[in-house]
N, C-alpha and C. Protein backbone atom coordinates (compact mmCIF):
# COMPACT_ATOMS: atom_id res chain seq x y z
N MET A 1 -10.52 -10.70 24.43
CA MET A 1 -8.90 -10.49 24.10
C MET A 1 -8.83 -10.59 22.50
N PHE A 2 -7.94 -9.99 21.92
CA PHE A 2 -8.07 -9.90 20.44
C PHE A 2 -6.38 -9.82 20.17
N ARG A 3 -6.08 -10.33 18.96
CA ARG A 3 -4.65 -10.30 18.50
C ARG A 3 -4.65 -9.71 17.15
N ILE A 4 -3.38 -9.13 16.68
CA ILE A 4 -3.50 -8.58 15.37
C ILE A 4 -2.06 -9.15 14.73
N GLY A 5 -2.37 -9.49 13.50
CA GLY A 5 -1.03 -10.05 12.70
C GLY A 5 -0.87 -9.43 11.49
N PHE A 6 0.52 -9.27 10.95
CA PHE A 6 0.82 -8.73 9.74
C PHE A 6 1.38 -9.86 8.86
N GLY A 7 0.97 -9.95 7.59
CA GLY A 7 1.41 -10.80 6.71
C GLY A 7 1.95 -10.23 5.39
N TYR A 8 3.06 -10.90 4.82
CA TYR A 8 3.58 -10.37 3.68
C TYR A 8 4.15 -11.47 2.80
N ASP A 9 3.91 -11.38 1.49
CA ASP A 9 4.40 -12.35 0.54
C ASP A 9 4.76 -11.82 -0.84
N VAL A 10 5.70 -12.35 -1.50
CA VAL A 10 6.08 -12.05 -2.77
C VAL A 10 6.55 -13.34 -3.80
N HIS A 11 6.14 -13.22 -4.80
CA HIS A 11 6.39 -14.51 -5.92
C HIS A 11 6.86 -13.59 -7.24
N ARG A 12 7.74 -14.23 -7.97
CA ARG A 12 7.93 -13.65 -9.30
C ARG A 12 6.93 -14.21 -10.29
N LEU A 13 6.89 -13.72 -11.40
CA LEU A 13 6.00 -14.09 -12.37
C LEU A 13 6.64 -14.83 -13.08
N LYS A 14 5.89 -15.99 -13.84
CA LYS A 14 6.41 -17.08 -14.77
C LYS A 14 5.43 -17.33 -15.96
N GLU A 15 6.06 -17.36 -17.17
CA GLU A 15 5.19 -17.75 -18.34
C GLU A 15 4.58 -19.16 -18.08
N ASN A 16 3.37 -19.26 -18.69
CA ASN A 16 2.70 -20.47 -18.90
C ASN A 16 2.34 -21.17 -17.52
N ARG A 17 2.01 -20.38 -16.58
CA ARG A 17 1.61 -21.00 -15.28
C ARG A 17 0.32 -20.08 -14.78
N PRO A 18 -0.86 -20.86 -14.29
CA PRO A 18 -1.99 -20.09 -13.85
C PRO A 18 -1.79 -19.00 -13.01
N LEU A 19 -2.52 -18.05 -13.05
CA LEU A 19 -2.41 -16.87 -11.91
C LEU A 19 -3.72 -17.15 -11.02
N ILE A 20 -3.20 -17.39 -9.83
CA ILE A 20 -4.06 -17.69 -8.79
C ILE A 20 -4.09 -16.65 -7.72
N LEU A 21 -5.03 -15.93 -7.37
CA LEU A 21 -4.97 -14.75 -6.29
C LEU A 21 -6.21 -15.01 -5.57
N GLY A 22 -6.01 -15.33 -4.04
CA GLY A 22 -7.25 -15.25 -3.18
C GLY A 22 -7.99 -16.48 -3.68
N GLY A 23 -7.34 -17.48 -4.20
CA GLY A 23 -8.30 -18.81 -4.87
C GLY A 23 -8.89 -18.62 -6.09
N VAL A 24 -8.93 -17.53 -6.58
CA VAL A 24 -9.49 -17.15 -7.84
C VAL A 24 -8.70 -17.19 -9.01
N GLN A 25 -8.75 -17.95 -10.14
CA GLN A 25 -8.03 -17.87 -11.39
C GLN A 25 -8.18 -16.76 -12.07
N ILE A 26 -7.23 -15.93 -12.52
CA ILE A 26 -7.18 -14.75 -13.36
C ILE A 26 -6.77 -15.02 -14.65
N PRO A 27 -7.55 -14.76 -15.75
CA PRO A 27 -6.82 -14.85 -17.05
C PRO A 27 -5.65 -13.93 -17.40
N HIS A 28 -4.55 -14.47 -17.52
CA HIS A 28 -3.22 -13.71 -17.68
C HIS A 28 -2.27 -14.92 -18.29
N PRO A 29 -1.53 -14.32 -19.23
CA PRO A 29 -0.23 -15.27 -19.87
C PRO A 29 0.71 -15.40 -18.69
N TRP A 30 0.87 -14.78 -17.65
CA TRP A 30 1.67 -15.05 -16.81
C TRP A 30 1.11 -15.45 -15.13
N GLY A 31 1.66 -16.41 -14.60
CA GLY A 31 1.17 -16.82 -13.32
C GLY A 31 2.43 -16.62 -12.36
N LEU A 32 2.16 -17.03 -10.93
CA LEU A 32 3.20 -16.72 -10.03
C LEU A 32 3.90 -18.00 -9.87
N ASP A 33 5.22 -17.92 -9.59
CA ASP A 33 6.14 -18.93 -9.58
C ASP A 33 6.41 -19.38 -8.10
N GLY A 34 6.23 -20.61 -7.75
CA GLY A 34 6.44 -21.04 -6.30
C GLY A 34 6.18 -22.51 -6.09
N HIS A 35 6.58 -23.20 -5.15
CA HIS A 35 6.40 -24.63 -4.72
C HIS A 35 4.93 -24.95 -4.75
N SER A 36 4.03 -24.07 -4.28
CA SER A 36 2.61 -24.41 -4.34
C SER A 36 2.11 -23.78 -5.47
N ASP A 37 0.65 -23.43 -5.27
CA ASP A 37 0.15 -22.58 -6.63
C ASP A 37 0.71 -21.13 -6.50
N ALA A 38 1.42 -20.84 -5.39
CA ALA A 38 2.00 -19.26 -5.27
C ALA A 38 1.10 -18.29 -5.38
N ASP A 39 -0.05 -18.55 -4.57
CA ASP A 39 -1.21 -17.43 -4.54
C ASP A 39 -0.66 -16.52 -3.52
N VAL A 40 -0.25 -15.31 -3.91
CA VAL A 40 0.47 -14.43 -2.97
C VAL A 40 -0.29 -13.77 -2.09
N LEU A 41 -1.83 -13.49 -2.32
CA LEU A 41 -2.69 -13.07 -1.62
C LEU A 41 -2.85 -14.06 -0.37
N THR A 42 -3.37 -15.36 -0.79
CA THR A 42 -3.55 -16.18 0.32
C THR A 42 -2.42 -16.55 1.18
N HIS A 43 -1.21 -16.40 0.71
CA HIS A 43 0.00 -16.51 1.49
C HIS A 43 0.19 -15.45 2.58
N ALA A 44 -0.19 -14.40 2.15
CA ALA A 44 0.05 -13.15 3.04
C ALA A 44 -1.08 -13.20 4.06
N VAL A 45 -2.21 -13.55 3.75
CA VAL A 45 -3.27 -13.78 4.80
C VAL A 45 -2.81 -14.91 5.76
N MET A 46 -2.34 -16.03 5.35
CA MET A 46 -1.93 -17.14 6.19
C MET A 46 -0.95 -16.58 7.16
N ASP A 47 0.12 -16.00 6.49
CA ASP A 47 1.09 -15.46 7.30
C ASP A 47 0.80 -14.43 8.40
N GLY A 48 -0.21 -13.48 8.14
CA GLY A 48 -0.79 -12.70 8.96
C GLY A 48 -1.50 -13.50 10.17
N VAL A 49 -2.22 -14.44 9.80
CA VAL A 49 -3.00 -15.30 10.73
C VAL A 49 -2.04 -16.14 11.85
N LEU A 50 -0.96 -16.62 11.19
CA LEU A 50 -0.04 -17.28 11.87
C LEU A 50 0.77 -16.24 12.73
N GLY A 51 0.96 -15.03 12.38
CA GLY A 51 1.55 -14.15 13.28
C GLY A 51 0.65 -13.73 14.27
N ALA A 52 -0.64 -13.44 14.23
CA ALA A 52 -1.61 -13.24 15.24
C ALA A 52 -1.56 -14.28 16.24
N LEU A 53 -1.45 -15.59 15.92
CA LEU A 53 -1.38 -16.71 16.77
C LEU A 53 0.01 -16.75 17.39
N GLY A 54 1.09 -15.98 16.98
CA GLY A 54 2.25 -16.36 17.55
C GLY A 54 2.82 -17.64 17.20
N ALA A 55 2.45 -18.15 15.93
CA ALA A 55 2.78 -19.59 15.41
C ALA A 55 3.65 -19.54 14.30
N GLY A 56 4.60 -18.76 14.23
CA GLY A 56 5.84 -18.82 13.19
C GLY A 56 5.06 -18.19 11.83
N ASP A 57 5.51 -18.83 10.81
CA ASP A 57 5.16 -18.28 9.52
C ASP A 57 4.89 -19.53 8.45
N ILE A 58 4.16 -19.31 7.38
CA ILE A 58 3.94 -20.53 6.41
C ILE A 58 4.98 -21.17 6.17
N GLY A 59 6.45 -20.68 5.92
CA GLY A 59 7.47 -21.45 5.68
C GLY A 59 7.68 -22.57 6.69
N GLN A 60 7.46 -22.48 7.91
CA GLN A 60 7.59 -23.26 8.97
C GLN A 60 6.69 -24.48 8.94
N HIS A 61 5.48 -24.11 8.66
CA HIS A 61 4.23 -25.14 8.57
C HIS A 61 4.22 -25.79 7.14
N PHE A 62 4.65 -25.04 6.10
CA PHE A 62 4.43 -25.60 4.73
C PHE A 62 5.67 -25.59 3.96
N PRO A 63 6.70 -26.22 4.35
CA PRO A 63 8.00 -26.03 3.94
C PRO A 63 8.16 -26.28 2.29
N ASP A 64 8.68 -25.43 1.46
CA ASP A 64 8.88 -25.56 0.13
C ASP A 64 9.86 -26.74 -0.21
N THR A 65 10.51 -27.37 0.69
CA THR A 65 11.24 -28.62 0.62
C THR A 65 10.35 -29.86 0.92
N ASP A 66 9.22 -29.69 1.13
CA ASP A 66 8.35 -30.94 1.46
C ASP A 66 7.51 -31.22 0.01
N PRO A 67 7.87 -32.46 -0.56
CA PRO A 67 6.89 -32.89 -1.69
C PRO A 67 5.48 -32.82 -1.54
N GLN A 68 4.99 -32.82 -0.39
CA GLN A 68 3.45 -32.96 -0.26
C GLN A 68 2.75 -31.62 -0.58
N TYR A 69 3.58 -30.44 -0.63
CA TYR A 69 2.90 -29.32 -0.97
C TYR A 69 3.43 -28.83 -2.55
N LYS A 70 3.90 -29.51 -3.10
CA LYS A 70 4.03 -29.12 -4.58
C LYS A 70 2.92 -29.17 -5.30
N ASP A 71 2.56 -27.75 -5.78
CA ASP A 71 1.62 -27.35 -6.48
C ASP A 71 0.07 -27.50 -5.65
N ILE A 72 0.26 -27.47 -4.45
CA ILE A 72 -0.83 -27.65 -3.62
C ILE A 72 -1.61 -26.16 -3.64
N SER A 73 -3.05 -26.36 -3.63
CA SER A 73 -3.78 -25.23 -3.58
C SER A 73 -3.52 -24.42 -2.24
N SER A 74 -3.36 -23.21 -2.25
CA SER A 74 -3.17 -22.40 -1.05
C SER A 74 -4.37 -22.41 -0.11
N LEU A 75 -5.53 -22.54 -0.84
CA LEU A 75 -6.71 -22.56 -0.11
C LEU A 75 -6.65 -23.84 0.84
N SER A 76 -6.15 -24.78 0.39
CA SER A 76 -5.90 -26.13 1.44
C SER A 76 -5.21 -26.01 2.47
N MET A 77 -4.16 -25.18 2.35
CA MET A 77 -3.34 -24.69 3.45
C MET A 77 -3.96 -23.74 4.24
N LEU A 78 -4.59 -22.80 3.70
CA LEU A 78 -5.32 -22.00 4.59
C LEU A 78 -6.45 -22.70 5.48
N LYS A 79 -7.01 -23.70 5.06
CA LYS A 79 -7.87 -24.56 5.91
C LYS A 79 -7.19 -25.10 7.08
N THR A 80 -6.10 -25.60 6.97
CA THR A 80 -5.09 -26.15 8.06
C THR A 80 -4.89 -24.88 8.95
N VAL A 81 -4.70 -23.70 8.53
CA VAL A 81 -4.42 -22.60 9.52
C VAL A 81 -5.53 -22.24 10.23
N VAL A 82 -6.77 -22.18 9.58
CA VAL A 82 -7.92 -21.93 10.17
C VAL A 82 -8.20 -22.80 11.39
N GLY A 83 -7.91 -24.14 11.12
CA GLY A 83 -8.01 -25.08 12.16
C GLY A 83 -7.14 -24.96 13.38
N MET A 84 -5.95 -24.20 13.09
CA MET A 84 -5.11 -23.92 14.12
C MET A 84 -5.78 -22.66 14.97
N VAL A 85 -6.30 -21.97 14.12
CA VAL A 85 -7.02 -20.84 14.86
C VAL A 85 -7.88 -21.21 15.87
N LYS A 86 -8.83 -22.23 15.41
CA LYS A 86 -9.89 -22.78 16.28
C LYS A 86 -9.37 -23.43 17.44
N GLU A 87 -8.38 -24.29 17.37
CA GLU A 87 -7.58 -24.96 18.20
C GLU A 87 -7.04 -24.11 19.28
N SER A 88 -6.75 -22.93 19.02
CA SER A 88 -6.07 -22.00 19.94
C SER A 88 -7.05 -21.09 20.63
N GLY A 89 -8.43 -21.39 20.50
CA GLY A 89 -9.53 -20.67 21.01
C GLY A 89 -9.69 -19.30 20.55
N PHE A 90 -9.42 -19.04 19.36
CA PHE A 90 -9.66 -17.81 18.56
C PHE A 90 -10.55 -18.02 17.49
N GLN A 91 -11.07 -16.79 16.83
CA GLN A 91 -11.67 -17.00 15.64
C GLN A 91 -11.21 -15.69 14.87
N VAL A 92 -11.26 -15.76 13.38
CA VAL A 92 -10.95 -14.54 12.65
C VAL A 92 -11.86 -13.58 12.77
N ASN A 93 -11.58 -12.25 13.02
CA ASN A 93 -12.50 -11.03 13.11
C ASN A 93 -12.52 -10.52 11.78
N ASN A 94 -11.42 -9.99 11.23
CA ASN A 94 -11.44 -9.33 9.90
C ASN A 94 -9.98 -9.29 9.30
N VAL A 95 -9.95 -9.18 8.01
CA VAL A 95 -8.69 -9.16 7.16
C VAL A 95 -8.98 -7.86 6.29
N ASP A 96 -7.84 -7.30 6.31
CA ASP A 96 -7.43 -6.17 5.15
C ASP A 96 -6.35 -6.45 4.42
N ALA A 97 -6.38 -6.62 3.13
CA ALA A 97 -5.20 -7.17 2.39
C ALA A 97 -4.99 -6.28 1.10
N THR A 98 -3.72 -6.08 0.76
CA THR A 98 -3.39 -5.28 -0.63
C THR A 98 -2.58 -6.16 -1.46
N ILE A 99 -2.98 -6.13 -2.76
CA ILE A 99 -2.19 -6.93 -3.70
C ILE A 99 -1.55 -5.87 -4.52
N VAL A 100 -0.22 -5.87 -4.61
CA VAL A 100 0.62 -4.96 -5.54
C VAL A 100 1.02 -5.76 -6.93
N ALA A 101 0.51 -5.11 -7.98
CA ALA A 101 0.74 -5.76 -9.08
C ALA A 101 0.61 -4.67 -10.38
N GLN A 102 1.50 -4.65 -11.13
CA GLN A 102 1.40 -3.71 -12.48
C GLN A 102 0.22 -4.08 -13.44
N ALA A 103 0.15 -5.52 -13.62
CA ALA A 103 -0.90 -6.06 -14.54
C ALA A 103 -1.06 -7.52 -14.14
N PRO A 104 -2.25 -8.14 -14.45
CA PRO A 104 -3.29 -7.39 -14.77
C PRO A 104 -4.26 -6.59 -14.09
N ARG A 105 -5.32 -5.97 -14.60
CA ARG A 105 -6.14 -5.13 -13.58
C ARG A 105 -7.01 -5.94 -12.86
N LEU A 106 -7.01 -5.83 -11.74
CA LEU A 106 -7.69 -6.77 -10.89
C LEU A 106 -8.95 -6.46 -10.30
N ALA A 107 -9.57 -5.05 -10.36
CA ALA A 107 -10.67 -4.74 -9.69
C ALA A 107 -11.79 -5.57 -9.99
N SER A 108 -12.08 -6.20 -11.10
CA SER A 108 -13.22 -6.96 -11.20
C SER A 108 -13.11 -8.40 -10.60
N TYR A 109 -12.11 -8.68 -10.03
CA TYR A 109 -11.93 -10.02 -9.40
C TYR A 109 -11.94 -9.97 -7.89
N LEU A 110 -11.76 -8.84 -7.37
CA LEU A 110 -11.60 -8.52 -5.89
C LEU A 110 -12.68 -9.05 -5.13
N SER A 111 -14.01 -8.94 -5.56
CA SER A 111 -15.13 -9.45 -4.59
C SER A 111 -15.05 -10.94 -4.64
N ASP A 112 -14.68 -11.47 -5.77
CA ASP A 112 -14.59 -13.12 -5.85
C ASP A 112 -13.53 -13.40 -4.84
N MET A 113 -12.38 -12.72 -4.67
CA MET A 113 -11.49 -13.21 -3.89
C MET A 113 -11.88 -12.93 -2.44
N GLU A 114 -12.58 -11.84 -2.06
CA GLU A 114 -13.10 -11.67 -0.90
C GLU A 114 -14.13 -12.83 -0.30
N MET A 115 -14.89 -13.07 -1.35
CA MET A 115 -15.93 -14.26 -0.74
C MET A 115 -15.25 -15.55 -0.59
N GLN A 116 -14.26 -15.92 -1.47
CA GLN A 116 -13.54 -17.11 -1.35
C GLN A 116 -12.82 -17.11 -0.18
N LEU A 117 -12.06 -16.13 0.23
CA LEU A 117 -11.38 -16.07 1.63
C LEU A 117 -12.19 -16.02 2.64
N ALA A 118 -13.47 -15.35 2.68
CA ALA A 118 -14.27 -15.32 3.80
C ALA A 118 -14.91 -16.52 4.06
N ALA A 119 -15.40 -17.39 2.97
CA ALA A 119 -15.74 -18.68 3.49
C ALA A 119 -14.85 -19.49 4.06
N LEU A 120 -13.63 -19.57 3.64
CA LEU A 120 -12.73 -20.47 4.26
C LEU A 120 -12.28 -19.88 5.80
N LEU A 121 -12.20 -18.69 5.93
CA LEU A 121 -11.88 -18.13 7.18
C LEU A 121 -13.13 -18.09 8.23
N GLU A 122 -14.27 -18.42 7.51
CA GLU A 122 -15.61 -18.53 8.24
C GLU A 122 -16.08 -17.33 8.68
N VAL A 123 -15.98 -16.33 8.02
CA VAL A 123 -16.43 -14.90 8.50
C VAL A 123 -17.44 -14.22 7.31
N PRO A 124 -18.08 -13.33 7.80
CA PRO A 124 -18.96 -12.76 6.86
C PRO A 124 -18.11 -12.16 5.56
N ASP A 125 -18.65 -12.04 4.44
CA ASP A 125 -17.92 -11.43 3.30
C ASP A 125 -17.36 -10.14 3.63
N HIS A 126 -18.23 -9.18 4.46
CA HIS A 126 -17.84 -7.86 4.52
C HIS A 126 -16.60 -7.77 5.51
N ALA A 127 -16.46 -8.88 6.14
CA ALA A 127 -15.28 -8.81 7.10
C ALA A 127 -13.78 -9.29 6.65
N VAL A 128 -13.75 -9.28 5.06
CA VAL A 128 -12.68 -9.53 4.30
C VAL A 128 -12.63 -8.34 3.36
N ASN A 129 -11.60 -7.52 3.32
CA ASN A 129 -11.27 -6.46 2.37
C ASN A 129 -10.13 -6.89 1.56
N VAL A 130 -10.25 -6.75 0.16
CA VAL A 130 -9.01 -7.01 -0.62
C VAL A 130 -8.91 -5.81 -1.60
N LYS A 131 -7.72 -5.16 -1.66
CA LYS A 131 -7.49 -3.98 -2.60
C LYS A 131 -6.40 -4.41 -3.57
N ALA A 132 -6.37 -3.61 -4.53
CA ALA A 132 -5.19 -3.90 -5.50
C ALA A 132 -4.63 -2.64 -5.81
N THR A 133 -3.36 -2.50 -6.06
CA THR A 133 -2.70 -1.28 -6.56
C THR A 133 -1.62 -1.56 -7.54
N THR A 134 -0.95 -0.66 -8.13
CA THR A 134 0.17 -0.71 -8.77
C THR A 134 1.34 -0.13 -7.85
N SER A 135 2.48 -0.24 -8.48
CA SER A 135 3.68 0.41 -7.81
C SER A 135 4.22 1.57 -8.62
N GLU A 136 3.41 1.95 -9.55
CA GLU A 136 3.59 3.15 -10.37
C GLU A 136 4.84 2.95 -11.32
N ARG A 137 5.01 1.75 -11.73
CA ARG A 137 6.03 1.06 -12.52
C ARG A 137 7.42 1.25 -11.77
N LEU A 138 7.56 1.38 -10.46
CA LEU A 138 8.73 1.28 -9.71
C LEU A 138 8.92 -0.07 -9.18
N GLY A 139 10.22 -0.51 -9.19
CA GLY A 139 10.69 -1.71 -8.46
C GLY A 139 10.25 -2.73 -9.30
N PHE A 140 10.41 -4.09 -8.80
CA PHE A 140 10.24 -5.41 -9.44
C PHE A 140 8.66 -5.72 -9.74
N CYS A 141 7.73 -5.10 -8.95
CA CYS A 141 6.39 -5.17 -9.27
C CYS A 141 6.07 -4.23 -10.34
N GLY A 142 6.48 -3.00 -10.52
CA GLY A 142 6.50 -1.98 -11.58
C GLY A 142 6.91 -2.40 -12.75
N ARG A 143 8.00 -3.32 -12.83
CA ARG A 143 8.66 -3.78 -14.06
C ARG A 143 8.02 -4.92 -14.45
N GLY A 144 6.81 -5.41 -13.78
CA GLY A 144 6.19 -6.64 -14.37
C GLY A 144 6.90 -8.03 -14.01
N GLU A 145 8.07 -7.96 -12.90
CA GLU A 145 8.56 -9.29 -12.57
C GLU A 145 7.83 -10.09 -11.58
N GLY A 146 7.11 -9.40 -10.93
CA GLY A 146 6.35 -10.36 -9.70
C GLY A 146 5.28 -9.52 -9.13
N MET A 147 4.63 -10.04 -8.16
CA MET A 147 3.53 -9.48 -7.34
C MET A 147 3.98 -9.72 -5.74
N GLU A 148 3.37 -8.82 -5.03
CA GLU A 148 3.45 -9.00 -3.55
C GLU A 148 2.23 -8.59 -3.02
N ALA A 149 1.94 -9.08 -1.74
CA ALA A 149 0.59 -8.81 -0.96
C ALA A 149 1.00 -8.69 0.48
N PHE A 150 0.28 -7.72 1.06
CA PHE A 150 0.27 -7.42 2.51
C PHE A 150 -1.10 -7.66 3.05
N ALA A 151 -1.22 -8.24 4.37
CA ALA A 151 -2.42 -8.30 4.99
C ALA A 151 -2.16 -8.17 6.38
N VAL A 152 -3.24 -7.47 7.11
CA VAL A 152 -3.38 -7.38 8.43
C VAL A 152 -4.75 -8.07 8.89
N ILE A 153 -4.43 -8.73 9.94
CA ILE A 153 -5.59 -9.94 10.35
C ILE A 153 -5.91 -9.53 11.85
N SER A 154 -7.16 -9.45 12.33
CA SER A 154 -7.35 -9.47 13.49
C SER A 154 -8.10 -10.68 13.93
N LEU A 155 -7.68 -11.29 15.09
CA LEU A 155 -8.40 -12.44 15.79
C LEU A 155 -9.11 -11.89 17.02
N LEU A 156 -10.12 -12.60 17.36
CA LEU A 156 -10.87 -12.41 18.61
C LEU A 156 -10.89 -13.86 19.45
N GLU A 157 -10.91 -13.81 20.60
CA GLU A 157 -10.85 -14.94 21.53
C GLU A 157 -12.44 -15.40 21.39
N ARG A 158 -12.59 -16.63 21.27
CA ARG A 158 -14.07 -17.28 21.09
C ARG A 158 -14.51 -17.20 22.65
N ASN A 159 -15.95 -16.99 22.66
CA ASN A 159 -16.51 -17.16 24.00
C ASN A 159 -16.28 -18.52 24.49
N PRO A 160 -16.15 -18.71 25.89
CA PRO A 160 -15.92 -19.99 26.32
C PRO A 160 -17.28 -20.87 26.43
């Protein structure tokens, strides 16, 4: 048996904050604003995994009203989600994700993001694919006001 989930997340950009994507810090004068580290890619992946499990969304499990999640690494939250996958009798099969950002250029960081996420999801590196694109200067991403990410996740039932 397999399941598929779709994840989405968006955060506005803010000056003097680290830019973290897929657990990788990217040199840039602007970072993403949020209660946690605002790692939009990892949030989309988590949301997709939770969707595949039929377990709600990240806001239900990690509410921004809870002080324990203030400035927390999204990778730490992803570890919790991976535990939920195991408890449910599934394993991650693969991830396909896209980051939408006008700047900075992300191509040289994508493989590091893939390796970071693959390690936490306990899958081979080739099972995680991360792409980056611009929005051709259209909308809030195109104006450099924020970033968004999309992720499709497949889970497989573990052998009993």
